[in-house]
Amino acid sequence: MSLTQSVAAPAGGAGDGAAFSLVRGGPLYGLQRALHLTTAPDDGAVRRAMLLGAVALLPLVTLAALDGVALHGPGQASLLTDYAVWARFAVAVPLFIAVEPIADRWVTVTTQYLVGSGIVGDAARPAFANALARAERRRDSWGAELGILLLAFAIARGAVAVRLAGPAETWLRSAHGLSNAGLWYSVVSLPLFHFLLLRWLWRLVVWTLLLRRVAALDLSLVAGHPDRAGGLGVLAEVPPAFSMLAFAIGTVLAGGLANAVSTIGVSLQFLGAVAFANLAIVLLVFVTPVVGFARPLRRARRRALVHYGVLGSDLVRQFEGRWLTPGAGRDDAALQAPDFSALTDFNQLVDVVRELRFVPIDRGGLGRLAGAALIPFLPVVFMIVPIDDVLQAVAGLVL
């Protein structure tokens, strides 16, 4: 039985109603269902990713070749040497779609787990159901998706206008204004990229608001839970599930920097500043949704320490009264008595409570997110610093 199945049917039969999808909704998803693009495994994510990537990139390359700007000059003068184009449309656009089933699987499992584990108890379930319903309305909002679409076109139009107004030669420009490739770029490819990016940002807002409402409920957290997160350890799997999205965003930034390196030059210090600023933003965006549980987790730890402190005092008094009074047994058999193992187990449980994390995410999850955010910048480093110099520096540190 899968984890999803195991938490989907809690006592009372509320598991199915607790399932929430972050991506299966909205006008665009409805259109894709109508076109039977979501019928394959994982909602046809791979097929849809390849299709949208092809729509964004293949006509662009074809029109650039017909316009004679595919290899018209160095850097951004030619489409084929414009790193930002390949970063956006060959990498980011497909990954924006491919990440959907990966991230959504953990979002769905998490919402089911909260009910199936009893963390959302019977008294809190109506409020939890209301929170899910509100999140679904936001996810499915026509107004939100239309606003995202209009904003995507506005950003694309502004970006193209800035490129055309600059003195640098660009494949977007022809003798009569926009080239044919530039027209496709401004009307189809770039708006599509910005739409998918902004839609993901909206989804993350929906997810953050949902978890904030859940964190405000009267949750039945278990301070002594072995996950050391009050029973919320499953939430630690959600931020790294967005690693592919973090990689896509980092690739777009790295593509823009690669263009700058090939034209005006960029220092290694500036590259590092951009890379670590991107890392900070990625951690902020993807970890913020689970930060809202810090207050109830802190409260659960404090309450548990008080309760276990009272119980511990009683246990130790009983133990000392039995084993530390004059005449108490001190032979080897005494060490095998249940009292000793019980006290040891109790002490271990208290240690778990003391080690409870206030933010349910671990170093492994943070590491995966950080790696996804920083790896796209490595090729740009090698554009600035010859790889031989890098290898010599690494060898000097290791050997």
Protein backbone atom coordinates (compact mmCIF):
# COMPACT_ATOMS: atom_id res chain seq x y z
CA MET A 1 0.00 0.00 0.00
CA SER A 2 1.39 3.44 -0.95
CA LEU A 3 1.77 6.29 1.51
CA THR A 4 -1.07 8.11 -0.21
CA GLN A 5 -3.36 5.13 0.18
CA SER A 6 -2.34 4.53 3.76
CA VAL A 7 -3.32 8.03 4.89
CA ALA A 8 -6.29 8.45 2.60
CA ALA A 9 -8.68 6.48 4.80
CA PRO A 10 -8.41 7.59 8.41
CA ALA A 11 -10.81 6.61 11.12
CA GLY A 12 -14.19 8.08 10.42
CA GLY A 13 -13.74 7.96 6.66
CA ALA A 14 -12.60 11.59 6.31
CA GLY A 15 -9.48 10.85 4.35
CA ASP A 16 -10.88 11.23 0.85
CA GLY A 17 -12.35 14.61 1.67
CA ALA A 18 -8.96 15.81 2.93
CA ALA A 19 -7.23 15.29 -0.42
CA PHE A 20 -6.12 18.59 -1.97
CA SER A 21 -4.37 19.15 -5.27
CA LEU A 22 -2.37 22.29 -5.90
CA VAL A 23 -2.28 21.91 -9.70
CA ARG A 24 -5.43 20.05 -10.76
CA GLY A 25 -7.66 23.04 -11.24
CA GLY A 26 -8.04 26.34 -13.02
CA PRO A 27 -9.09 27.25 -16.56
CA LEU A 28 -5.87 26.13 -18.26
CA TYR A 29 -5.98 22.75 -16.55
CA GLY A 30 -9.62 22.41 -17.60
CA LEU A 31 -8.66 23.18 -21.20
CA GLN A 32 -5.91 20.58 -21.10
CA ARG A 33 -8.37 18.00 -19.78
CA ALA A 34 -10.81 18.87 -22.56
CA LEU A 35 -8.02 18.28 -25.08
CA HIS A 36 -7.21 14.92 -23.40
CA LEU A 37 -3.68 16.05 -22.54
CA THR A 38 -3.97 14.91 -18.91
CA THR A 39 -4.92 11.27 -19.48
CA ALA A 40 -1.41 9.75 -19.42
CA PRO A 41 0.38 8.79 -16.18
CA ASP A 42 1.09 11.75 -13.90
CA ASP A 43 -1.54 13.76 -15.76
CA GLY A 44 0.54 13.58 -18.94
CA ALA A 45 3.08 15.98 -17.46
CA VAL A 46 5.96 14.80 -19.65
CA ARG A 47 3.86 15.02 -22.82
CA ARG A 48 2.56 18.47 -21.91
CA ALA A 49 6.05 19.66 -20.98
CA MET A 50 7.44 18.59 -24.35
CA LEU A 51 4.48 20.12 -26.18
CA LEU A 52 4.70 23.54 -24.54
CA GLY A 53 8.48 23.57 -24.86
CA ALA A 54 8.13 22.84 -28.56
CA VAL A 55 5.50 25.55 -29.01
CA ALA A 56 7.77 28.09 -27.36
CA LEU A 57 11.03 27.13 -29.07
CA LEU A 58 10.65 25.34 -32.41
CA PRO A 59 8.74 28.07 -34.31
CA LEU A 60 11.20 30.59 -32.85
CA VAL A 61 14.20 28.73 -34.27
CA THR A 62 12.47 28.17 -37.62
CA LEU A 63 11.47 31.82 -38.02
CA ALA A 64 14.93 32.99 -36.94
CA ALA A 65 16.48 30.80 -39.64
CA LEU A 66 14.09 32.24 -42.25
CA ASP A 67 14.83 35.77 -41.03
CA GLY A 68 18.55 35.13 -41.21
CA VAL A 69 19.09 35.90 -37.51
CA ALA A 70 19.65 32.37 -36.24
CA LEU A 71 23.43 32.88 -36.52
CA HIS A 72 23.58 36.55 -37.36
CA GLY A 73 26.37 37.54 -35.01
CA PRO A 74 27.82 37.00 -31.53
CA GLY A 75 25.83 36.91 -28.32
CA GLN A 76 22.25 38.16 -28.43
CA ALA A 77 22.59 39.20 -32.06
CA SER A 78 21.83 35.56 -32.93
CA LEU A 79 19.04 33.47 -31.49
CA LEU A 80 21.15 30.34 -31.31
CA THR A 81 23.75 32.06 -29.13
CA ASP A 82 21.20 33.82 -26.90
CA TYR A 83 21.59 31.80 -23.71
CA ALA A 84 18.51 33.33 -22.10
CA VAL A 85 16.29 31.97 -24.87
CA TRP A 86 17.48 28.41 -24.32
CA ALA A 87 17.28 28.75 -20.57
CA ARG A 88 13.66 29.94 -20.70
CA PHE A 89 12.19 27.78 -23.43
CA ALA A 90 14.33 24.62 -23.59
CA VAL A 91 14.69 24.23 -19.81
CA ALA A 92 12.33 26.36 -17.72
CA VAL A 93 9.07 25.99 -19.66
CA PRO A 94 9.21 22.16 -19.76
CA LEU A 95 10.29 21.98 -16.10
CA PHE A 96 7.41 24.25 -15.02
CA ILE A 97 5.09 21.49 -16.25
CA ALA A 98 7.20 18.44 -15.38
CA VAL A 99 7.42 19.45 -11.70
CA GLU A 100 3.64 19.47 -11.27
CA PRO A 101 3.04 15.78 -10.40
CA ILE A 102 6.14 15.63 -8.19
CA ALA A 103 5.20 18.61 -6.04
CA ASP A 104 1.47 17.89 -6.10
CA ARG A 105 1.95 14.32 -4.92
CA TRP A 106 3.46 15.52 -1.65
CA VAL A 107 0.92 18.32 -1.25
CA THR A 108 -1.90 15.79 -1.57
CA VAL A 109 -0.25 13.27 0.77
CA THR A 110 0.33 16.01 3.35
CA THR A 111 -3.28 17.20 3.46
CA GLN A 112 -4.51 13.62 3.75
CA TYR A 113 -1.94 12.83 6.43
CA LEU A 114 -3.02 15.73 8.63
CA VAL A 115 -6.45 14.13 8.99
CA GLY A 116 -5.39 10.49 8.83
CA SER A 117 -2.81 10.94 11.59
CA GLY A 118 -5.29 12.62 13.90
CA ILE A 119 -3.32 15.88 13.99
CA VAL A 120 -6.47 17.53 12.70
CA GLY A 121 -8.92 16.09 15.22
CA ASP A 122 -12.67 15.74 14.95
CA ALA A 123 -13.32 19.18 16.42
CA ALA A 124 -11.03 20.90 13.90
CA ARG A 125 -12.18 19.01 10.80
CA PRO A 126 -14.97 21.43 9.78
CA ALA A 127 -12.56 24.36 9.88
CA PHE A 128 -9.96 22.27 8.02
CA ALA A 129 -12.53 21.41 5.33
CA ASN A 130 -13.38 25.12 4.99
CA ALA A 131 -9.69 25.94 4.57
CA LEU A 132 -9.36 23.33 1.80
CA ALA A 133 -12.48 24.65 0.07
CA ARG A 134 -11.15 28.20 0.15
CA ALA A 135 -7.80 27.05 -1.26
CA GLU A 136 -9.59 25.19 -4.06
CA ARG A 137 -11.59 28.31 -4.94
CA ARG A 138 -8.38 30.32 -5.17
CA ARG A 139 -6.70 27.63 -7.26
CA ASP A 140 -9.67 27.44 -9.66
CA SER A 141 -10.24 31.20 -9.88
CA TRP A 142 -10.84 32.45 -13.40
CA GLY A 143 -10.10 35.98 -12.26
CA ALA A 144 -6.70 35.02 -10.87
CA GLU A 145 -5.68 33.13 -13.99
CA LEU A 146 -6.92 35.92 -16.29
CA GLY A 147 -4.98 38.46 -14.25
CA ILE A 148 -1.87 36.29 -14.50
CA LEU A 149 -2.32 36.05 -18.28
CA LEU A 150 -2.69 39.82 -18.70
CA LEU A 151 0.31 40.45 -16.47
CA ALA A 152 2.36 37.93 -18.46
CA PHE A 153 1.62 39.78 -21.71
CA ALA A 154 2.38 43.12 -20.10
CA ILE A 155 5.75 41.93 -18.77
CA ALA A 156 6.63 40.37 -22.13
CA ARG A 157 5.75 43.55 -23.99
CA GLY A 158 7.84 45.66 -21.65
CA ALA A 159 10.81 43.29 -21.86
CA VAL A 160 10.75 43.30 -25.67
CA ALA A 161 10.44 47.10 -25.76
CA VAL A 162 13.51 47.43 -23.54
CA ARG A 163 15.52 45.08 -25.76
CA LEU A 164 14.53 46.94 -28.91
CA ALA A 165 15.29 50.35 -27.40
CA GLY A 166 18.86 49.33 -26.52
CA PRO A 167 21.80 50.03 -28.81
CA ALA A 168 22.97 46.41 -28.89
CA GLU A 169 22.27 44.34 -31.97
CA THR A 170 19.55 41.75 -31.38
CA TRP A 171 17.85 39.02 -33.36
CA LEU A 172 14.51 40.56 -32.32
CA ARG A 173 15.04 43.50 -34.65
CA SER A 174 14.66 43.65 -38.41
CA ALA A 175 14.82 46.56 -40.84
CA HIS A 176 11.08 47.11 -40.37
CA GLY A 177 10.84 46.64 -36.62
CA LEU A 178 10.26 43.25 -35.07
CA SER A 179 11.60 40.27 -36.96
CA ASN A 180 9.22 37.36 -37.51
CA ALA A 181 11.06 35.45 -34.81
CA GLY A 182 10.78 38.51 -32.56
CA LEU A 183 7.05 38.64 -33.17
CA TRP A 184 6.58 35.00 -32.12
CA TYR A 185 8.82 35.63 -29.13
CA SER A 186 6.80 38.63 -27.95
CA VAL A 187 3.33 37.19 -28.63
CA VAL A 188 3.73 33.49 -27.79
CA SER A 189 7.03 32.33 -26.28
CA LEU A 190 7.76 35.02 -23.70
CA PRO A 191 4.14 35.42 -22.49
CA LEU A 192 3.91 31.63 -22.13
CA PHE A 193 7.06 31.57 -19.99
CA HIS A 194 5.87 34.40 -17.76
CA PHE A 195 2.38 32.92 -17.47
CA LEU A 196 3.70 29.57 -16.26
CA LEU A 197 6.11 31.26 -13.83
CA LEU A 198 3.46 33.61 -12.41
CA ARG A 199 0.96 30.77 -12.14
CA TRP A 200 3.43 28.84 -10.00
CA LEU A 201 3.92 31.88 -7.79
CA TRP A 202 0.15 32.10 -7.37
CA ARG A 203 -0.02 28.41 -6.47
CA LEU A 204 2.64 28.94 -3.82
CA VAL A 205 0.58 31.81 -2.41
CA VAL A 206 -2.45 29.49 -2.26
CA TRP A 207 -0.38 26.79 -0.50
CA THR A 208 1.08 29.29 1.97
CA LEU A 209 -2.34 30.69 2.89
CA LEU A 210 -3.73 27.17 3.30
CA LEU A 211 -0.99 26.11 5.70
CA ARG A 212 -1.32 29.36 7.62
CA ARG A 213 -5.01 28.62 8.23
CA VAL A 214 -4.22 25.02 9.18
CA ALA A 215 -1.52 26.14 11.62
CA ALA A 216 -4.09 28.37 13.36
CA LEU A 217 -6.37 25.38 14.10
CA ASP A 218 -6.41 23.51 17.41
CA LEU A 219 -4.04 20.79 16.25
CA SER A 220 -3.35 17.58 18.18
CA LEU A 221 0.43 17.68 17.85
CA VAL A 222 2.50 14.88 19.39
CA ALA A 223 5.59 16.43 20.96
CA GLY A 224 7.21 13.02 21.53
CA HIS A 225 6.75 11.88 17.93
CA PRO A 226 9.89 10.20 16.57
CA ASP A 227 10.03 12.59 13.60
CA ARG A 228 11.00 15.31 16.10
CA ALA A 229 8.51 17.64 14.45
CA GLY A 230 5.43 16.95 16.54
CA GLY A 231 4.09 14.53 13.94
CA LEU A 232 4.51 17.09 11.13
CA GLY A 233 7.65 15.50 9.71
CA VAL A 234 5.87 14.76 6.45
CA LEU A 235 5.81 18.51 5.78
CA ALA A 236 9.60 18.40 5.46
CA GLU A 237 9.18 16.57 2.14
CA VAL A 238 7.14 19.34 0.51
CA PRO A 239 9.76 22.13 0.03
CA PRO A 240 12.33 19.86 -1.68
CA ALA A 241 9.55 18.51 -3.91
CA PHE A 242 9.75 21.92 -5.63
CA SER A 243 13.48 21.50 -6.37
CA MET A 244 12.85 21.19 -10.10
CA LEU A 245 11.05 24.53 -10.03
CA ALA A 246 13.96 26.11 -8.14
CA PHE A 247 16.35 24.68 -10.75
CA ALA A 248 14.28 26.18 -13.57
CA ILE A 249 14.30 29.65 -12.00
CA GLY A 250 18.04 29.44 -11.36
CA THR A 251 18.62 28.40 -14.98
CA VAL A 252 16.77 31.48 -16.25
CA LEU A 253 18.92 33.78 -14.10
CA ALA A 254 22.07 31.93 -15.14
CA GLY A 255 21.11 32.28 -18.80
CA GLY A 256 20.82 36.04 -18.46
CA LEU A 257 24.20 36.17 -16.72
CA ALA A 258 25.75 34.04 -19.47
CA ASN A 259 24.60 36.61 -22.03
CA ALA A 260 26.16 39.37 -19.95
CA VAL A 261 29.44 37.45 -19.66
CA SER A 262 29.61 36.98 -23.44
CA THR A 263 28.94 40.66 -24.21
CA ILE A 264 29.96 43.09 -21.48
CA GLY A 265 31.71 40.78 -19.02
CA VAL A 266 30.72 39.96 -15.45
CA SER A 267 32.91 39.58 -12.39
CA LEU A 268 32.91 36.41 -10.34
CA GLN A 269 31.87 38.45 -7.30
CA PHE A 270 28.76 39.74 -9.06
CA LEU A 271 27.88 36.23 -10.21
CA GLY A 272 28.21 34.98 -6.64
CA ALA A 273 26.01 37.78 -5.35
CA VAL A 274 23.25 36.93 -7.84
CA ALA A 275 23.52 33.19 -7.16
CA PHE A 276 23.26 33.56 -3.39
CA ALA A 277 20.48 36.15 -3.68
CA ASN A 278 18.61 33.57 -5.76
CA LEU A 279 19.31 30.95 -3.08
CA ALA A 280 17.92 33.23 -0.37
CA ILE A 281 14.76 33.91 -2.37
CA VAL A 282 14.27 30.20 -3.15
CA LEU A 283 14.55 29.25 0.51
CA LEU A 284 12.22 32.07 1.49
CA VAL A 285 9.57 31.15 -1.08
CA PHE A 286 9.54 27.40 -0.56
CA VAL A 287 10.19 27.17 3.19
CA THR A 288 7.89 30.02 4.28
CA PRO A 289 4.69 27.91 3.97
CA VAL A 290 5.82 25.54 6.75
CA VAL A 291 7.22 28.27 9.02
CA GLY A 292 3.68 29.01 10.18
CA PHE A 293 3.75 25.85 12.30
CA ALA A 294 6.54 27.22 14.52
CA ARG A 295 4.12 28.69 17.05
CA PRO A 296 1.94 25.57 17.61
CA LEU A 297 5.08 23.39 17.70
CA ARG A 298 6.70 25.64 20.29
CA ARG A 299 3.49 25.56 22.32
CA ALA A 300 3.29 21.76 22.08
CA ARG A 301 6.90 21.40 23.22
CA ARG A 302 6.39 23.71 26.19
CA ARG A 303 3.23 21.89 27.25
CA ALA A 304 4.86 18.47 26.87
CA LEU A 305 7.93 19.47 28.88
CA VAL A 306 5.68 20.53 31.75
CA HIS A 307 3.62 17.32 31.64
CA TYR A 308 6.64 15.06 31.25
CA GLY A 309 8.40 17.00 34.00
CA VAL A 310 5.59 16.22 36.46
CA LEU A 311 5.43 12.59 35.34
CA GLY A 312 9.22 12.28 35.46
CA SER A 313 9.31 13.52 39.03
CA ASP A 314 6.78 10.86 40.07
CA LEU A 315 8.63 8.12 38.21
CA VAL A 316 12.02 8.98 39.68
CA ARG A 317 10.60 9.22 43.21
CA GLN A 318 9.06 5.76 42.84
CA PHE A 319 12.31 4.42 41.38
CA GLU A 320 14.44 5.88 44.17
CA GLY A 321 12.00 4.70 46.80
CA ARG A 322 12.27 1.16 45.53
CA TRP A 323 15.94 0.87 44.64
CA LEU A 324 17.86 3.48 46.64
CA THR A 325 16.49 2.86 50.11
CA PRO A 326 18.52 0.84 52.65
CA GLY A 327 18.16 -2.85 52.04
CA ALA A 328 17.07 -2.50 48.38
CA GLY A 329 18.43 -5.18 46.08
CA ARG A 330 21.74 -4.35 44.39
CA ASP A 331 22.55 -7.65 42.70
CA ASP A 332 22.90 -8.15 38.95
CA ALA A 333 19.30 -9.25 38.67
CA ALA A 334 18.18 -5.82 39.77
CA LEU A 335 19.60 -4.29 36.61
CA GLN A 336 17.25 -6.51 34.60
CA ALA A 337 14.18 -5.21 36.39
CA PRO A 338 11.53 -3.46 34.24
CA ASP A 339 11.94 -0.28 36.31
CA PHE A 340 15.36 0.41 34.80
CA SER A 341 14.30 -0.03 31.17
CA ALA A 342 11.12 1.95 31.73
CA LEU A 343 13.08 4.88 33.13
CA THR A 344 15.55 4.69 30.24
CA ASP A 345 12.71 4.71 27.71
CA PHE A 346 11.12 7.66 29.47
CA ASN A 347 14.37 9.62 29.38
CA GLN A 348 14.70 8.93 25.65
CA LEU A 349 11.17 10.18 25.07
CA VAL A 350 11.92 13.40 26.95
CA ASP A 351 15.06 13.86 24.83
CA VAL A 352 12.88 13.62 21.71
CA VAL A 353 10.62 16.35 23.08
CA ARG A 354 13.61 18.58 23.85
CA GLU A 355 14.94 18.12 20.30
CA LEU A 356 11.61 19.01 18.66
CA ARG A 357 12.14 21.25 15.60
CA PHE A 358 10.00 24.38 15.43
CA VAL A 359 10.15 24.42 11.61
CA PRO A 360 9.33 21.00 10.10
CA ILE A 361 12.14 20.79 7.58
CA ASP A 362 15.49 19.02 7.81
CA ARG A 363 18.98 19.64 6.50
CA GLY A 364 18.54 17.12 3.70
CA GLY A 365 15.54 19.01 2.31
CA LEU A 366 17.32 22.34 2.58
CA GLY A 367 20.34 20.82 0.86
CA ARG A 368 18.30 19.59 -2.09
CA LEU A 369 16.68 22.99 -2.52
CA ALA A 370 20.01 24.79 -2.23
CA GLY A 371 21.66 22.49 -4.74
CA ALA A 372 18.86 22.98 -7.24
CA ALA A 373 19.11 26.75 -6.87
CA LEU A 374 22.91 26.96 -7.22
CA ILE A 375 23.86 24.27 -9.76
CA PRO A 376 22.61 26.25 -12.82
CA PHE A 377 25.25 28.91 -12.12
CA LEU A 378 28.21 26.52 -12.44
CA PRO A 379 28.46 26.76 -16.26
CA VAL A 380 28.60 30.56 -15.94
CA VAL A 381 31.45 30.21 -13.45
CA PHE A 382 33.37 28.20 -16.06
CA MET A 383 32.70 30.96 -18.62
CA ILE A 384 34.44 33.45 -16.30
CA VAL A 385 37.15 31.24 -14.79
CA PRO A 386 38.86 28.66 -17.05
CA ILE A 387 38.07 25.15 -15.90
CA ASP A 388 41.78 24.36 -15.59
CA ASP A 389 42.13 27.11 -12.98
CA VAL A 390 39.10 25.79 -11.11
CA LEU A 391 40.47 22.25 -11.07
CA GLN A 392 43.87 23.47 -9.87
CA ALA A 393 42.23 25.44 -7.06
CA VAL A 394 40.15 22.42 -6.01
CA ALA A 395 43.20 20.18 -6.13
CA GLY A 396 45.09 22.65 -3.96
CA LEU A 397 42.35 22.47 -1.34
CA VAL A 398 41.99 18.71 -1.40
CA LEU A 399 45.59 17.51 -1.84
